[in-house]
Every structure is written in structure tokens, then in C-alpha cells.
Amino acid sequence: MAKKTSWAVIIVGISVFVLVVGVGLVGVVGYVIYQQFAFQAKTATEMGADEEFARIVAKFEGQKPYLVIEDGKPSSARNPQPRPGSPSKHCTSSCGTRMSGK
């Protein structure tokens, strides 16, 4: 007859397995989080900063700001542009019939 394994050995084996898997999972999660918050350090020069700022400002050339800072307080732009696809204030009465499909 085969020798029976005691419950204590089985419980210790399962506990060790769970502990090893748990430590592995914590390590993987910690590494992923570390990589998510890692940033690239690069040296900044005044010329490089000016070039980068000019490149970003060039994207918005010709656009009016939505928000204007006046006397240290934000206020909305005086003549905001209508959003694409929305009716403007200058819509005539024919706009209502055209929009409703009549």
C-alpha cells in the first residue's frame, strides 16, 4: 500500500506556491508601474527651449484665444468663434426649417 502524504505537507506546499506566485506578481506590477512613471531626462538649453516654444506656437497661428487673462483674471474672448456644426446667433428663420427637415 502506498504511503499517504500528510495534510501538513500539502498545506505547506500550497502556501509556498502561493507565496512564490504572489511575490512574482508584486514584482511584475511594481516594474510596470515604475516604467509608467519613468521619464526621460534631457538637458535643456535656452536655445532648445526657444525653438520648441516657437514650434508649438506656430501650430496655433491665426487662431483667437478662447480665454483671455485681463488684470490677472480669466475672461472669455470677446468674439468667440461658433463651434463647427452648431447654429450661430445670426441664423435666419429659414435655418429652423432647414434643420428640422421641413
N, C-alpha and C. Protein backbone atom coordinates (compact mmCIF):
# COMPACT_ATOMS: atom_id res chain seq x y z
N MET A 1 0.83 -1.17 0.00
CA MET A 1 0.00 0.00 0.00
C MET A 1 0.89 1.24 0.00
N ALA A 2 0.47 2.27 -0.77
CA ALA A 2 1.27 3.49 -0.90
C ALA A 2 1.16 4.32 0.37
N LYS A 3 2.25 5.00 0.65
CA LYS A 3 2.29 5.84 1.84
C LYS A 3 1.49 7.12 1.58
N LYS A 4 0.62 7.52 2.49
CA LYS A 4 -0.20 8.71 2.35
C LYS A 4 0.61 9.95 2.73
N THR A 5 0.40 11.03 1.96
CA THR A 5 1.03 12.30 2.27
C THR A 5 0.17 13.02 3.30
N SER A 6 0.81 13.57 4.31
CA SER A 6 0.04 14.23 5.36
C SER A 6 -0.49 15.58 4.87
N TRP A 7 -1.58 16.02 5.49
CA TRP A 7 -2.19 17.29 5.14
C TRP A 7 -1.25 18.46 5.40
N ALA A 8 -0.42 18.37 6.39
CA ALA A 8 0.51 19.45 6.72
C ALA A 8 1.46 19.71 5.56
N VAL A 9 1.97 18.66 4.94
CA VAL A 9 2.90 18.82 3.82
C VAL A 9 2.18 19.45 2.63
N ILE A 10 0.95 19.03 2.38
CA ILE A 10 0.17 19.59 1.26
C ILE A 10 -0.11 21.07 1.49
N ILE A 11 -0.50 21.43 2.71
CA ILE A 11 -0.80 22.83 3.03
C ILE A 11 0.48 23.68 2.92
N VAL A 12 1.60 23.18 3.41
CA VAL A 12 2.86 23.92 3.31
C VAL A 12 3.26 24.09 1.85
N GLY A 13 3.09 23.07 1.03
CA GLY A 13 3.43 23.14 -0.39
C GLY A 13 2.58 24.18 -1.12
N ILE A 14 1.28 24.15 -0.85
CA ILE A 14 0.38 25.13 -1.47
C ILE A 14 0.73 26.54 -1.01
N SER A 15 1.04 26.69 0.26
CA SER A 15 1.39 28.01 0.80
C SER A 15 2.66 28.55 0.15
N VAL A 16 3.65 27.71 -0.02
CA VAL A 16 4.90 28.14 -0.65
C VAL A 16 4.63 28.53 -2.11
N PHE A 17 3.82 27.75 -2.81
CA PHE A 17 3.48 28.05 -4.20
C PHE A 17 2.77 29.41 -4.31
N VAL A 18 1.78 29.64 -3.45
CA VAL A 18 1.05 30.90 -3.46
C VAL A 18 1.99 32.06 -3.13
N LEU A 19 2.90 31.85 -2.18
CA LEU A 19 3.84 32.89 -1.81
C LEU A 19 4.76 33.25 -2.98
N VAL A 20 5.28 32.26 -3.67
CA VAL A 20 6.19 32.50 -4.80
C VAL A 20 5.44 33.21 -5.94
N VAL A 21 4.24 32.76 -6.25
CA VAL A 21 3.45 33.39 -7.30
C VAL A 21 3.09 34.83 -6.90
N GLY A 22 2.72 35.04 -5.64
CA GLY A 22 2.38 36.38 -5.17
C GLY A 22 3.55 37.34 -5.25
N VAL A 23 4.74 36.88 -4.84
CA VAL A 23 5.93 37.73 -4.92
C VAL A 23 6.25 38.05 -6.38
N GLY A 24 6.08 37.09 -7.25
CA GLY A 24 6.31 37.32 -8.68
C GLY A 24 5.34 38.35 -9.24
N LEU A 25 4.06 38.24 -8.88
CA LEU A 25 3.07 39.20 -9.35
C LEU A 25 3.35 40.61 -8.83
N VAL A 26 3.72 40.71 -7.56
CA VAL A 26 4.04 42.02 -6.99
C VAL A 26 5.25 42.62 -7.71
N GLY A 27 6.22 41.79 -8.02
CA GLY A 27 7.39 42.28 -8.75
C GLY A 27 7.05 42.78 -10.14
N VAL A 28 6.21 42.04 -10.86
CA VAL A 28 5.82 42.45 -12.21
C VAL A 28 5.00 43.73 -12.16
N VAL A 29 4.05 43.82 -11.24
CA VAL A 29 3.23 45.03 -11.12
C VAL A 29 4.11 46.22 -10.74
N GLY A 30 5.04 46.03 -9.82
CA GLY A 30 5.95 47.11 -9.44
C GLY A 30 6.79 47.58 -10.61
N TYR A 31 7.28 46.65 -11.43
CA TYR A 31 8.08 47.02 -12.60
C TYR A 31 7.25 47.80 -13.61
N VAL A 32 6.02 47.36 -13.86
CA VAL A 32 5.16 48.05 -14.82
C VAL A 32 4.86 49.47 -14.34
N ILE A 33 4.56 49.63 -13.07
CA ILE A 33 4.28 50.96 -12.52
C ILE A 33 5.53 51.83 -12.60
N TYR A 34 6.68 51.26 -12.30
CA TYR A 34 7.94 52.01 -12.40
C TYR A 34 8.16 52.51 -13.83
N GLN A 35 7.89 51.66 -14.82
CA GLN A 35 8.07 52.05 -16.21
C GLN A 35 7.07 53.11 -16.64
N GLN A 36 5.86 53.07 -16.09
CA GLN A 36 4.85 54.06 -16.45
C GLN A 36 5.24 55.46 -15.97
N PHE A 37 5.86 55.54 -14.81
CA PHE A 37 6.20 56.84 -14.24
C PHE A 37 7.63 57.26 -14.54
N ALA A 38 8.36 56.45 -15.27
CA ALA A 38 9.73 56.81 -15.63
C ALA A 38 9.68 57.91 -16.69
N PHE A 39 10.57 58.84 -16.62
CA PHE A 39 10.61 59.90 -17.60
C PHE A 39 12.02 60.02 -18.14
N GLN A 40 12.11 60.55 -19.34
CA GLN A 40 13.41 60.72 -19.96
C GLN A 40 13.99 62.06 -19.53
N ALA A 41 15.16 62.02 -19.01
CA ALA A 41 15.84 63.25 -18.62
C ALA A 41 16.63 63.74 -19.82
N LYS A 42 16.39 64.98 -20.19
CA LYS A 42 17.19 65.57 -21.25
C LYS A 42 17.61 66.95 -20.82
N THR A 43 18.77 67.32 -21.22
CA THR A 43 19.28 68.62 -20.83
C THR A 43 18.57 69.70 -21.61
N ALA A 44 18.28 70.77 -20.95
CA ALA A 44 17.57 71.89 -21.58
C ALA A 44 18.53 73.04 -21.77
N THR A 45 18.48 73.56 -22.96
CA THR A 45 19.25 74.77 -23.24
C THR A 45 18.25 75.88 -23.57
N GLU A 46 18.69 77.10 -23.43
CA GLU A 46 17.80 78.22 -23.72
C GLU A 46 17.40 78.23 -25.19
N MET A 47 18.33 77.91 -26.05
CA MET A 47 18.04 77.90 -27.47
C MET A 47 17.06 76.78 -27.81
N GLY A 48 17.25 75.61 -27.22
CA GLY A 48 16.34 74.49 -27.45
C GLY A 48 14.94 74.79 -26.95
N ALA A 49 14.86 75.46 -25.81
CA ALA A 49 13.55 75.81 -25.26
C ALA A 49 12.85 76.83 -26.15
N ASP A 50 13.60 77.80 -26.66
CA ASP A 50 13.02 78.80 -27.56
C ASP A 50 12.52 78.16 -28.85
N GLU A 51 13.30 77.22 -29.39
CA GLU A 51 12.90 76.54 -30.62
C GLU A 51 11.64 75.71 -30.40
N GLU A 52 11.58 74.99 -29.29
CA GLU A 52 10.41 74.17 -29.00
C GLU A 52 9.17 75.04 -28.79
N PHE A 53 9.33 76.15 -28.08
CA PHE A 53 8.21 77.07 -27.86
C PHE A 53 7.72 77.65 -29.19
N ALA A 54 8.65 78.04 -30.05
CA ALA A 54 8.27 78.60 -31.36
C ALA A 54 7.54 77.56 -32.21
N ARG A 55 7.97 76.32 -32.14
CA ARG A 55 7.32 75.25 -32.90
C ARG A 55 5.89 75.03 -32.41
N ILE A 56 5.68 75.07 -31.11
CA ILE A 56 4.34 74.86 -30.56
C ILE A 56 3.45 76.06 -30.86
N VAL A 57 3.98 77.27 -30.74
CA VAL A 57 3.19 78.48 -31.02
C VAL A 57 2.78 78.52 -32.49
N ALA A 58 3.63 78.01 -33.38
CA ALA A 58 3.32 78.03 -34.81
C ALA A 58 2.07 77.21 -35.13
N LYS A 59 1.76 76.20 -34.34
CA LYS A 59 0.56 75.39 -34.56
C LYS A 59 -0.71 76.22 -34.41
N PHE A 60 -0.68 77.24 -33.56
CA PHE A 60 -1.88 78.00 -33.23
C PHE A 60 -1.92 79.37 -33.89
N GLU A 61 -1.08 79.60 -34.87
CA GLU A 61 -1.03 80.90 -35.52
C GLU A 61 -2.35 81.18 -36.23
N GLY A 62 -2.86 82.39 -36.04
CA GLY A 62 -4.09 82.80 -36.68
C GLY A 62 -5.35 82.47 -35.89
N GLN A 63 -5.24 81.73 -34.81
CA GLN A 63 -6.41 81.39 -34.01
C GLN A 63 -6.61 82.42 -32.91
N LYS A 64 -7.88 82.67 -32.60
CA LYS A 64 -8.17 83.56 -31.48
C LYS A 64 -8.24 82.72 -30.21
N PRO A 65 -7.79 83.26 -29.10
CA PRO A 65 -7.86 82.50 -27.84
C PRO A 65 -9.30 82.40 -27.34
N TYR A 66 -9.62 81.30 -26.70
CA TYR A 66 -10.92 81.14 -26.07
C TYR A 66 -10.98 81.86 -24.73
N LEU A 67 -9.83 81.99 -24.11
CA LEU A 67 -9.76 82.58 -22.78
C LEU A 67 -8.68 83.67 -22.80
N VAL A 68 -9.00 84.81 -22.23
CA VAL A 68 -8.07 85.93 -22.19
C VAL A 68 -7.85 86.29 -20.73
N ILE A 69 -6.60 86.52 -20.34
CA ILE A 69 -6.28 86.94 -18.98
C ILE A 69 -6.21 88.46 -18.97
N GLU A 70 -7.10 89.09 -18.23
CA GLU A 70 -7.11 90.54 -18.11
C GLU A 70 -7.06 90.90 -16.63
N ASP A 71 -6.11 91.71 -16.27
CA ASP A 71 -5.92 92.12 -14.88
C ASP A 71 -5.77 90.92 -13.94
N GLY A 72 -5.13 89.89 -14.43
CA GLY A 72 -4.87 88.71 -13.61
C GLY A 72 -6.06 87.78 -13.45
N LYS A 73 -7.19 88.09 -14.13
CA LYS A 73 -8.38 87.24 -14.02
C LYS A 73 -8.77 86.76 -15.41
N PRO A 74 -9.19 85.50 -15.52
CA PRO A 74 -9.58 85.00 -16.83
C PRO A 74 -10.96 85.51 -17.23
N SER A 75 -11.12 85.81 -18.50
CA SER A 75 -12.42 86.19 -19.04
C SER A 75 -12.54 85.56 -20.42
N SER A 76 -13.76 85.32 -20.86
CA SER A 76 -13.94 84.69 -22.17
C SER A 76 -13.60 85.68 -23.27
N ALA A 77 -13.26 85.17 -24.42
CA ALA A 77 -12.89 86.01 -25.55
C ALA A 77 -14.09 86.86 -25.96
N ARG A 78 -13.81 88.05 -26.47
CA ARG A 78 -14.89 88.99 -26.82
C ARG A 78 -15.75 88.48 -27.97
N ASN A 79 -15.16 87.93 -28.99
CA ASN A 79 -15.90 87.43 -30.15
C ASN A 79 -15.57 85.95 -30.36
N PRO A 80 -16.14 85.08 -29.58
CA PRO A 80 -15.80 83.66 -29.76
C PRO A 80 -16.33 83.13 -31.08
N GLN A 81 -15.58 82.26 -31.69
CA GLN A 81 -15.99 81.66 -32.96
C GLN A 81 -17.05 80.59 -32.68
N PRO A 82 -18.07 80.46 -33.55
CA PRO A 82 -19.07 79.41 -33.34
C PRO A 82 -18.43 78.04 -33.55
N ARG A 83 -18.90 77.07 -32.79
CA ARG A 83 -18.38 75.72 -32.94
C ARG A 83 -18.85 75.13 -34.26
N PRO A 84 -18.03 74.34 -34.91
CA PRO A 84 -18.46 73.73 -36.17
C PRO A 84 -19.68 72.84 -35.95
N GLY A 85 -20.65 72.96 -36.83
CA GLY A 85 -21.83 72.11 -36.74
C GLY A 85 -22.92 72.65 -35.85
N SER A 86 -22.71 73.78 -35.19
CA SER A 86 -23.75 74.33 -34.34
C SER A 86 -24.29 75.60 -34.98
N PRO A 87 -25.58 75.88 -34.78
CA PRO A 87 -26.14 77.09 -35.39
C PRO A 87 -25.56 78.34 -34.73
N SER A 88 -25.40 79.38 -35.51
CA SER A 88 -24.87 80.62 -34.96
C SER A 88 -26.02 81.54 -34.56
N LYS A 89 -25.70 82.65 -33.88
CA LYS A 89 -26.70 83.61 -33.45
C LYS A 89 -27.32 84.32 -34.64
N HIS A 90 -26.62 84.36 -35.77
CA HIS A 90 -27.06 85.11 -36.93
C HIS A 90 -27.92 84.27 -37.86
N CYS A 91 -28.43 83.18 -37.39
CA CYS A 91 -29.23 82.28 -38.21
C CYS A 91 -30.59 82.93 -38.49
N THR A 92 -31.02 82.86 -39.74
CA THR A 92 -32.32 83.44 -40.10
C THR A 92 -33.43 82.44 -39.82
N SER A 93 -34.65 82.82 -40.09
CA SER A 93 -35.78 81.93 -39.82
C SER A 93 -35.75 80.71 -40.71
N SER A 94 -35.10 80.79 -41.85
CA SER A 94 -35.04 79.62 -42.74
C SER A 94 -34.15 78.52 -42.15
N CYS A 95 -33.28 78.87 -41.20
CA CYS A 95 -32.42 77.86 -40.58
C CYS A 95 -33.26 76.83 -39.83
N GLY A 96 -34.32 77.30 -39.15
CA GLY A 96 -35.15 76.39 -38.36
C GLY A 96 -35.82 75.36 -39.22
N THR A 97 -36.32 75.76 -40.40
CA THR A 97 -36.99 74.80 -41.26
C THR A 97 -35.99 73.86 -41.91
N ARG A 98 -34.82 74.38 -42.23
CA ARG A 98 -33.80 73.53 -42.84
C ARG A 98 -33.29 72.50 -41.84
N MET A 99 -33.14 72.88 -40.57
CA MET A 99 -32.62 71.97 -39.57
C MET A 99 -33.64 70.90 -39.21
N SER A 100 -34.93 71.24 -39.24
CA SER A 100 -35.94 70.27 -38.86
C SER A 100 -36.32 69.36 -40.02
N GLY A 101 -35.82 69.66 -41.22
CA GLY A 101 -36.08 68.80 -42.36
C GLY A 101 -37.36 69.13 -43.09
N LYS A 102 -37.98 70.26 -42.80
CA LYS A 102 -39.25 70.65 -43.46
C LYS A 102 -38.97 71.35 -44.75
